[in-house]
Amino acid sequence: MTYREFLDILSDHYDDYEFEYRGKRGAICMFENEIIAGYDGSEMRFNNLEEVLKTPFVDGKLLKDVAEELIFI
């Protein structure tokens, strides 16, 4: 999946998105007033999607740098 396709999915509606990256699991859980993003046992809370996209939380990398390698569960 390209980064653009990934953004389109995330921007479309509030939902939970579970993924795997290099054998480790993560998730992005989108709520009306908060987004919780986690990877390999760590969890971060954000106010909006823009903050998530600017924070390297997947193995120390930005989502745009790993989007094509994510396997959605």
PDB file of N, CA and C in Angstrom:
ATOM      1  N   MET A   1       0.847  -1.164   0.000  1.00  0.00           N
ATOM      2  CA  MET A   1       0.000   0.000   0.000  1.00  0.00           C
ATOM      3  C   MET A   1       0.900   1.237   0.000  1.00  0.00           C
ATOM      4  N   THR A   2       0.557   2.178  -0.814  1.00  0.00           N
ATOM      5  CA  THR A   2       1.344   3.409  -0.856  1.00  0.00           C
ATOM      6  C   THR A   2       0.983   4.298   0.334  1.00  0.00           C
ATOM      7  N   TYR A   3       1.838   5.253   0.611  1.00  0.00           N
ATOM      8  CA  TYR A   3       1.588   6.189   1.705  1.00  0.00           C
ATOM      9  C   TYR A   3       0.303   6.974   1.456  1.00  0.00           C
ATOM     10  N   ARG A   4       0.074   7.381   0.229  1.00  0.00           N
ATOM     11  CA  ARG A   4      -1.139   8.133  -0.120  1.00  0.00           C
ATOM     12  C   ARG A   4      -2.389   7.293   0.150  1.00  0.00           C
ATOM     13  N   GLU A   5      -2.368   6.023  -0.246  1.00  0.00           N
ATOM     14  CA  GLU A   5      -3.504   5.129   0.007  1.00  0.00           C
ATOM     15  C   GLU A   5      -3.725   4.963   1.517  1.00  0.00           C
ATOM     16  N   PHE A   6      -2.634   4.844   2.234  1.00  0.00           N
ATOM     17  CA  PHE A   6      -2.696   4.718   3.685  1.00  0.00           C
ATOM     18  C   PHE A   6      -3.339   5.950   4.315  1.00  0.00           C
ATOM     19  N   LEU A   7      -2.926   7.126   3.875  1.00  0.00           N
ATOM     20  CA  LEU A   7      -3.518   8.370   4.384  1.00  0.00           C
ATOM     21  C   LEU A   7      -4.996   8.464   4.067  1.00  0.00           C
ATOM     22  N   ASP A   8      -5.373   8.058   2.879  1.00  0.00           N
ATOM     23  CA  ASP A   8      -6.780   8.095   2.484  1.00  0.00           C
ATOM     24  C   ASP A   8      -7.626   7.229   3.419  1.00  0.00           C
ATOM     25  N   ILE A   9      -7.105   6.068   3.779  1.00  0.00           N
ATOM     26  CA  ILE A   9      -7.831   5.182   4.686  1.00  0.00           C
ATOM     27  C   ILE A   9      -7.954   5.817   6.065  1.00  0.00           C
ATOM     28  N   LEU A  10      -6.853   6.326   6.591  1.00  0.00           N
ATOM     29  CA  LEU A  10      -6.882   6.923   7.926  1.00  0.00           C
ATOM     30  C   LEU A  10      -7.756   8.169   7.975  1.00  0.00           C
ATOM     31  N   SER A  11      -7.761   8.939   6.926  1.00  0.00           N
ATOM     32  CA  SER A  11      -8.514  10.189   6.893  1.00  0.00           C
ATOM     33  C   SER A  11     -10.001   9.970   6.667  1.00  0.00           C
ATOM     34  N   ASP A  12     -10.361   8.789   6.209  1.00  0.00           N
ATOM     35  CA  ASP A  12     -11.732   8.512   5.803  1.00  0.00           C
ATOM     36  C   ASP A  12     -12.700   8.398   6.980  1.00  0.00           C
ATOM     37  N   HIS A  13     -12.305   7.732   8.051  1.00  0.00           N
ATOM     38  CA  HIS A  13     -13.226   7.548   9.173  1.00  0.00           C
ATOM     39  C   HIS A  13     -12.463   7.105  10.423  1.00  0.00           C
ATOM     40  N   TYR A  14     -13.151   7.217  11.557  1.00  0.00           N
ATOM     41  CA  TYR A  14     -12.576   6.773  12.821  1.00  0.00           C
ATOM     42  C   TYR A  14     -12.721   5.263  12.930  1.00  0.00           C
ATOM     43  N   ASP A  15     -11.624   4.605  13.234  1.00  0.00           N
ATOM     44  CA  ASP A  15     -11.639   3.156  13.353  1.00  0.00           C
ATOM     45  C   ASP A  15     -10.337   2.716  14.010  1.00  0.00           C
ATOM     46  N   ASP A  16     -10.186   1.422  14.195  1.00  0.00           N
ATOM     47  CA  ASP A  16      -8.937   0.851  14.701  1.00  0.00           C
ATOM     48  C   ASP A  16      -8.231   0.166  13.538  1.00  0.00           C
ATOM     49  N   TYR A  17      -6.941   0.400  13.425  1.00  0.00           N
ATOM     50  CA  TYR A  17      -6.142  -0.185  12.363  1.00  0.00           C
ATOM     51  C   TYR A  17      -4.974  -0.923  12.997  1.00  0.00           C
ATOM     52  N   GLU A  18      -4.996  -2.248  12.889  1.00  0.00           N
ATOM     53  CA  GLU A  18      -3.900  -3.050  13.417  1.00  0.00           C
ATOM     54  C   GLU A  18      -2.970  -3.411  12.271  1.00  0.00           C
ATOM     55  N   PHE A  19      -1.667  -3.429  12.589  1.00  0.00           N
ATOM     56  CA  PHE A  19      -0.689  -3.731  11.549  1.00  0.00           C
ATOM     57  C   PHE A  19       0.495  -4.481  12.137  1.00  0.00           C
ATOM     58  N   GLU A  20       1.290  -5.018  11.227  1.00  0.00           N
ATOM     59  CA  GLU A  20       2.538  -5.663  11.593  1.00  0.00           C
ATOM     60  C   GLU A  20       3.644  -5.018  10.775  1.00  0.00           C
ATOM     61  N   TYR A  21       4.776  -4.819  11.430  1.00  0.00           N
ATOM     62  CA  TYR A  21       5.948  -4.275  10.749  1.00  0.00           C
ATOM     63  C   TYR A  21       7.167  -5.023  11.267  1.00  0.00           C
ATOM     64  N   ARG A  22       7.808  -5.739  10.375  1.00  0.00           N
ATOM     65  CA  ARG A  22       9.009  -6.513  10.706  1.00  0.00           C
ATOM     66  C   ARG A  22       8.802  -7.435  11.901  1.00  0.00           C
ATOM     67  N   GLY A  23       7.661  -8.123  11.882  1.00  0.00           N
ATOM     68  CA  GLY A  23       7.373  -9.121  12.902  1.00  0.00           C
ATOM     69  C   GLY A  23       6.826  -8.594  14.211  1.00  0.00           C
ATOM     70  N   LYS A  24       6.650  -7.294  14.318  1.00  0.00           N
ATOM     71  CA  LYS A  24       6.102  -6.702  15.541  1.00  0.00           C
ATOM     72  C   LYS A  24       4.765  -6.049  15.230  1.00  0.00           C
ATOM     73  N   ARG A  25       3.865  -6.079  16.203  1.00  0.00           N
ATOM     74  CA  ARG A  25       2.513  -5.560  15.973  1.00  0.00           C
ATOM     75  C   ARG A  25       2.359  -4.143  16.481  1.00  0.00           C
ATOM     76  N   GLY A  26       1.457  -3.441  15.816  1.00  0.00           N
ATOM     77  CA  GLY A  26       1.118  -2.087  16.207  1.00  0.00           C
ATOM     78  C   GLY A  26      -0.328  -1.794  15.883  1.00  0.00           C
ATOM     79  N   ALA A  27      -0.774  -0.620  16.280  1.00  0.00           N
ATOM     80  CA  ALA A  27      -2.155  -0.237  16.001  1.00  0.00           C
ATOM     81  C   ALA A  27      -2.291   1.280  16.058  1.00  0.00           C
ATOM     82  N   ILE A  28      -3.276   1.748  15.318  1.00  0.00           N
ATOM     83  CA  ILE A  28      -3.690   3.145  15.380  1.00  0.00           C
ATOM     84  C   ILE A  28      -5.180   3.111  15.671  1.00  0.00           C
ATOM     85  N   CYS A  29      -5.561   3.636  16.815  1.00  0.00           N
ATOM     86  CA  CYS A  29      -6.963   3.630  17.240  1.00  0.00           C
ATOM     87  C   CYS A  29      -7.455   5.068  17.240  1.00  0.00           C
ATOM     88  N   MET A  30      -8.400   5.331  16.392  1.00  0.00           N
ATOM     89  CA  MET A  30      -8.876   6.701  16.198  1.00  0.00           C
ATOM     90  C   MET A  30     -10.228   6.889  16.882  1.00  0.00           C
ATOM     91  N   PHE A  31     -10.256   7.856  17.782  1.00  0.00           N
ATOM     92  CA  PHE A  31     -11.478   8.219  18.484  1.00  0.00           C
ATOM     93  C   PHE A  31     -11.831   9.656  18.116  1.00  0.00           C
ATOM     94  N   GLU A  32     -12.984  10.092  18.516  1.00  0.00           N
ATOM     95  CA  GLU A  32     -13.439  11.433  18.152  1.00  0.00           C
ATOM     96  C   GLU A  32     -12.504  12.531  18.660  1.00  0.00           C
ATOM     97  N   ASN A  33     -11.982  12.394  19.874  1.00  0.00           N
ATOM     98  CA  ASN A  33     -11.157  13.449  20.467  1.00  0.00           C
ATOM     99  C   ASN A  33      -9.704  13.064  20.699  1.00  0.00           C
ATOM    100  N   GLU A  34      -9.306  11.862  20.258  1.00  0.00           N
ATOM    101  CA  GLU A  34      -7.966  11.391  20.553  1.00  0.00           C
ATOM    102  C   GLU A  34      -7.587  10.251  19.614  1.00  0.00           C
ATOM    103  N   ILE A  35      -6.300  10.121  19.362  1.00  0.00           N
ATOM    104  CA  ILE A  35      -5.780   9.009  18.586  1.00  0.00           C
ATOM    105  C   ILE A  35      -4.712   8.336  19.440  1.00  0.00           C
ATOM    106  N   ILE A  36      -4.811   7.033  19.569  1.00  0.00           N
ATOM    107  CA  ILE A  36      -3.815   6.266  20.306  1.00  0.00           C
ATOM    108  C   ILE A  36      -3.064   5.425  19.286  1.00  0.00           C
ATOM    109  N   ALA A  37      -1.744   5.572  19.265  1.00  0.00           N
ATOM    110  CA  ALA A  37      -0.909   4.815  18.348  1.00  0.00           C
ATOM    111  C   ALA A  37       0.078   4.015  19.170  1.00  0.00           C
ATOM    112  N   GLY A  38       0.198   2.743  18.842  1.00  0.00           N
ATOM    113  CA  GLY A  38       1.107   1.893  19.580  1.00  0.00           C
ATOM    114  C   GLY A  38       1.893   0.998  18.654  1.00  0.00           C
ATOM    115  N   TYR A  39       3.058   0.600  19.133  1.00  0.00           N
ATOM    116  CA  TYR A  39       3.894  -0.317  18.369  1.00  0.00           C
ATOM    117  C   TYR A  39       4.811  -1.047  19.342  1.00  0.00           C
ATOM    118  N   ASP A  40       4.831  -2.366  19.244  1.00  0.00           N
ATOM    119  CA  ASP A  40       5.722  -3.216  20.017  1.00  0.00           C
ATOM    120  C   ASP A  40       5.654  -2.914  21.515  1.00  0.00           C
ATOM    121  N   GLY A  41       4.447  -2.759  22.031  1.00  0.00           N
ATOM    122  CA  GLY A  41       4.247  -2.567  23.457  1.00  0.00           C
ATOM    123  C   GLY A  41       4.288  -1.132  23.952  1.00  0.00           C
ATOM    124  N   SER A  42       4.683  -0.199  23.109  1.00  0.00           N
ATOM    125  CA  SER A  42       4.695   1.222  23.491  1.00  0.00           C
ATOM    126  C   SER A  42       3.446   1.892  22.955  1.00  0.00           C
ATOM    127  N   GLU A  43       2.972   2.889  23.687  1.00  0.00           N
ATOM    128  CA  GLU A  43       1.742   3.573  23.292  1.00  0.00           C
ATOM    129  C   GLU A  43       1.925   5.080  23.424  1.00  0.00           C
ATOM    130  N   MET A  44       1.384   5.814  22.460  1.00  0.00           N
ATOM    131  CA  MET A  44       1.435   7.274  22.485  1.00  0.00           C
ATOM    132  C   MET A  44       0.036   7.806  22.202  1.00  0.00           C
ATOM    133  N   ARG A  45      -0.280   8.946  22.774  1.00  0.00           N
ATOM    134  CA  ARG A  45      -1.589   9.580  22.568  1.00  0.00           C
ATOM    135  C   ARG A  45      -1.403  10.890  21.815  1.00  0.00           C
ATOM    136  N   PHE A  46      -2.320  11.129  20.884  1.00  0.00           N
ATOM    137  CA  PHE A  46      -2.238  12.305  20.028  1.00  0.00           C
ATOM    138  C   PHE A  46      -3.588  13.004  19.954  1.00  0.00           C
ATOM    139  N   ASN A  47      -3.552  14.277  19.613  1.00  0.00           N
ATOM    140  CA  ASN A  47      -4.778  15.060  19.456  1.00  0.00           C
ATOM    141  C   ASN A  47      -5.355  14.971  18.051  1.00  0.00           C
ATOM    142  N   ASN A  48      -4.492  14.713  17.066  1.00  0.00           N
ATOM    143  CA  ASN A  48      -4.970  14.672  15.681  1.00  0.00           C
ATOM    144  C   ASN A  48      -4.032  13.823  14.827  1.00  0.00           C
ATOM    145  N   LEU A  49      -4.478  13.529  13.625  1.00  0.00           N
ATOM    146  CA  LEU A  49      -3.729  12.674  12.714  1.00  0.00           C
ATOM    147  C   LEU A  49      -2.408  13.318  12.301  1.00  0.00           C
ATOM    148  N   GLU A  50      -2.380  14.614  12.166  1.00  0.00           N
ATOM    149  CA  GLU A  50      -1.147  15.305  11.781  1.00  0.00           C
ATOM    150  C   GLU A  50      -0.021  15.030  12.782  1.00  0.00           C
ATOM    151  N   GLU A  51      -0.342  15.025  14.065  1.00  0.00           N
ATOM    152  CA  GLU A  51       0.659  14.716  15.089  1.00  0.00           C
ATOM    153  C   GLU A  51       1.186  13.294  14.936  1.00  0.00           C
ATOM    154  N   VAL A  52       0.291  12.358  14.649  1.00  0.00           N
ATOM    155  CA  VAL A  52       0.695  10.961  14.457  1.00  0.00           C
ATOM    156  C   VAL A  52       1.682  10.869  13.289  1.00  0.00           C
ATOM    157  N   LEU A  53       1.370  11.546  12.212  1.00  0.00           N
ATOM    158  CA  LEU A  53       2.194  11.466  11.007  1.00  0.00           C
ATOM    159  C   LEU A  53       3.563  12.111  11.173  1.00  0.00           C
ATOM    160  N   LYS A  54       3.704  13.031  12.113  1.00  0.00           N
ATOM    161  CA  LYS A  54       4.977  13.720  12.342  1.00  0.00           C
ATOM    162  C   LYS A  54       5.823  13.089  13.450  1.00  0.00           C
ATOM    163  N   THR A  55       5.325  11.999  14.037  1.00  0.00           N
ATOM    164  CA  THR A  55       6.019  11.363  15.153  1.00  0.00           C
ATOM    165  C   THR A  55       6.551   9.993  14.743  1.00  0.00           C
ATOM    166  N   PRO A  56       7.846   9.758  14.899  1.00  0.00           N
ATOM    167  CA  PRO A  56       8.424   8.453  14.544  1.00  0.00           C
ATOM    168  C   PRO A  56       8.140   7.406  15.627  1.00  0.00           C
ATOM    169  N   PHE A  57       7.017   6.718  15.516  1.00  0.00           N
ATOM    170  CA  PHE A  57       6.652   5.758  16.551  1.00  0.00           C
ATOM    171  C   PHE A  57       6.732   4.306  16.097  1.00  0.00           C
ATOM    172  N   VAL A  58       6.932   4.039  14.824  1.00  0.00           N
ATOM    173  CA  VAL A  58       7.037   2.666  14.327  1.00  0.00           C
ATOM    174  C   VAL A  58       8.517   2.331  14.161  1.00  0.00           C
ATOM    175  N   ASP A  59       9.063   1.647  15.138  1.00  0.00           N
ATOM    176  CA  ASP A  59      10.482   1.274  15.112  1.00  0.00           C
ATOM    177  C   ASP A  59      11.372   2.508  14.926  1.00  0.00           C
ATOM    178  N   GLY A  60      10.932   3.635  15.500  1.00  0.00           N
ATOM    179  CA  GLY A  60      11.681   4.882  15.413  1.00  0.00           C
ATOM    180  C   GLY A  60      11.588   5.572  14.068  1.00  0.00           C
ATOM    181  N   LYS A  61      10.594   5.183  13.268  1.00  0.00           N
ATOM    182  CA  LYS A  61      10.438   5.738  11.918  1.00  0.00           C
ATOM    183  C   LYS A  61       9.061   6.365  11.751  1.00  0.00           C
ATOM    184  N   LEU A  62       8.974   7.301  10.820  1.00  0.00           N
ATOM    185  CA  LEU A  62       7.693   7.912  10.473  1.00  0.00           C
ATOM    186  C   LEU A  62       6.845   6.934   9.669  1.00  0.00           C
ATOM    187  N   LEU A  63       5.540   7.071   9.769  1.00  0.00           N
ATOM    188  CA  LEU A  63       4.647   6.204   9.001  1.00  0.00           C
ATOM    189  C   LEU A  63       4.913   6.289   7.505  1.00  0.00           C
ATOM    190  N   LYS A  64       5.225   7.482   7.004  1.00  0.00           N
ATOM    191  CA  LYS A  64       5.464   7.618   5.563  1.00  0.00           C
ATOM    192  C   LYS A  64       6.667   6.804   5.109  1.00  0.00           C
ATOM    193  N   ASP A  65       7.616   6.562   6.025  1.00  0.00           N
ATOM    194  CA  ASP A  65       8.812   5.813   5.668  1.00  0.00           C
ATOM    195  C   ASP A  65       8.610   4.304   5.691  1.00  0.00           C
ATOM    196  N   VAL A  66       7.555   3.833   6.344  1.00  0.00           N
ATOM    197  CA  VAL A  66       7.320   2.392   6.450  1.00  0.00           C
ATOM    198  C   VAL A  66       5.977   1.950   5.868  1.00  0.00           C
ATOM    199  N   ALA A  67       5.188   2.870   5.360  1.00  0.00           N
ATOM    200  CA  ALA A  67       3.813   2.562   4.923  1.00  0.00           C
ATOM    201  C   ALA A  67       3.758   1.389   3.950  1.00  0.00           C
ATOM    202  N   GLU A  68       4.668   1.311   3.016  1.00  0.00           N
ATOM    203  CA  GLU A  68       4.621   0.242   2.017  1.00  0.00           C
ATOM    204  C   GLU A  68       4.992  -1.106   2.595  1.00  0.00           C
ATOM    205  N   GLU A  69       5.594  -1.134   3.775  1.00  0.00           N
ATOM    206  CA  GLU A  69       5.986  -2.392   4.407  1.00  0.00           C
ATOM    207  C   GLU A  69       4.990  -2.865   5.460  1.00  0.00           C
ATOM    208  N   LEU A  70       4.002  -2.041   5.796  1.00  0.00           N
ATOM    209  CA  LEU A  70       3.025  -2.426   6.809  1.00  0.00           C
ATOM    210  C   LEU A  70       2.110  -3.507   6.282  1.00  0.00           C
ATOM    211  N   ILE A  71       1.846  -4.491   7.125  1.00  0.00           N
ATOM    212  CA  ILE A  71       0.887  -5.533   6.800  1.00  0.00           C
ATOM    213  C   ILE A  71      -0.305  -5.328   7.718  1.00  0.00           C
ATOM    214  N   PHE A  72      -1.452  -5.001   7.142  1.00  0.00           N
ATOM    215  CA  PHE A  72      -2.638  -4.760   7.947  1.00  0.00           C
ATOM    216  C   PHE A  72      -3.301  -6.075   8.324  1.00  0.00           C
ATOM    217  N   ILE A  73      -3.702  -6.150   9.584  1.00  0.00           N
ATOM    218  CA  ILE A  73      -4.284  -7.370  10.133  1.00  0.00           C
ATOM    219  C   ILE A  73      -5.793  -7.223  10.198  1.00  0.00           C
TER     220      ILE A  73
END
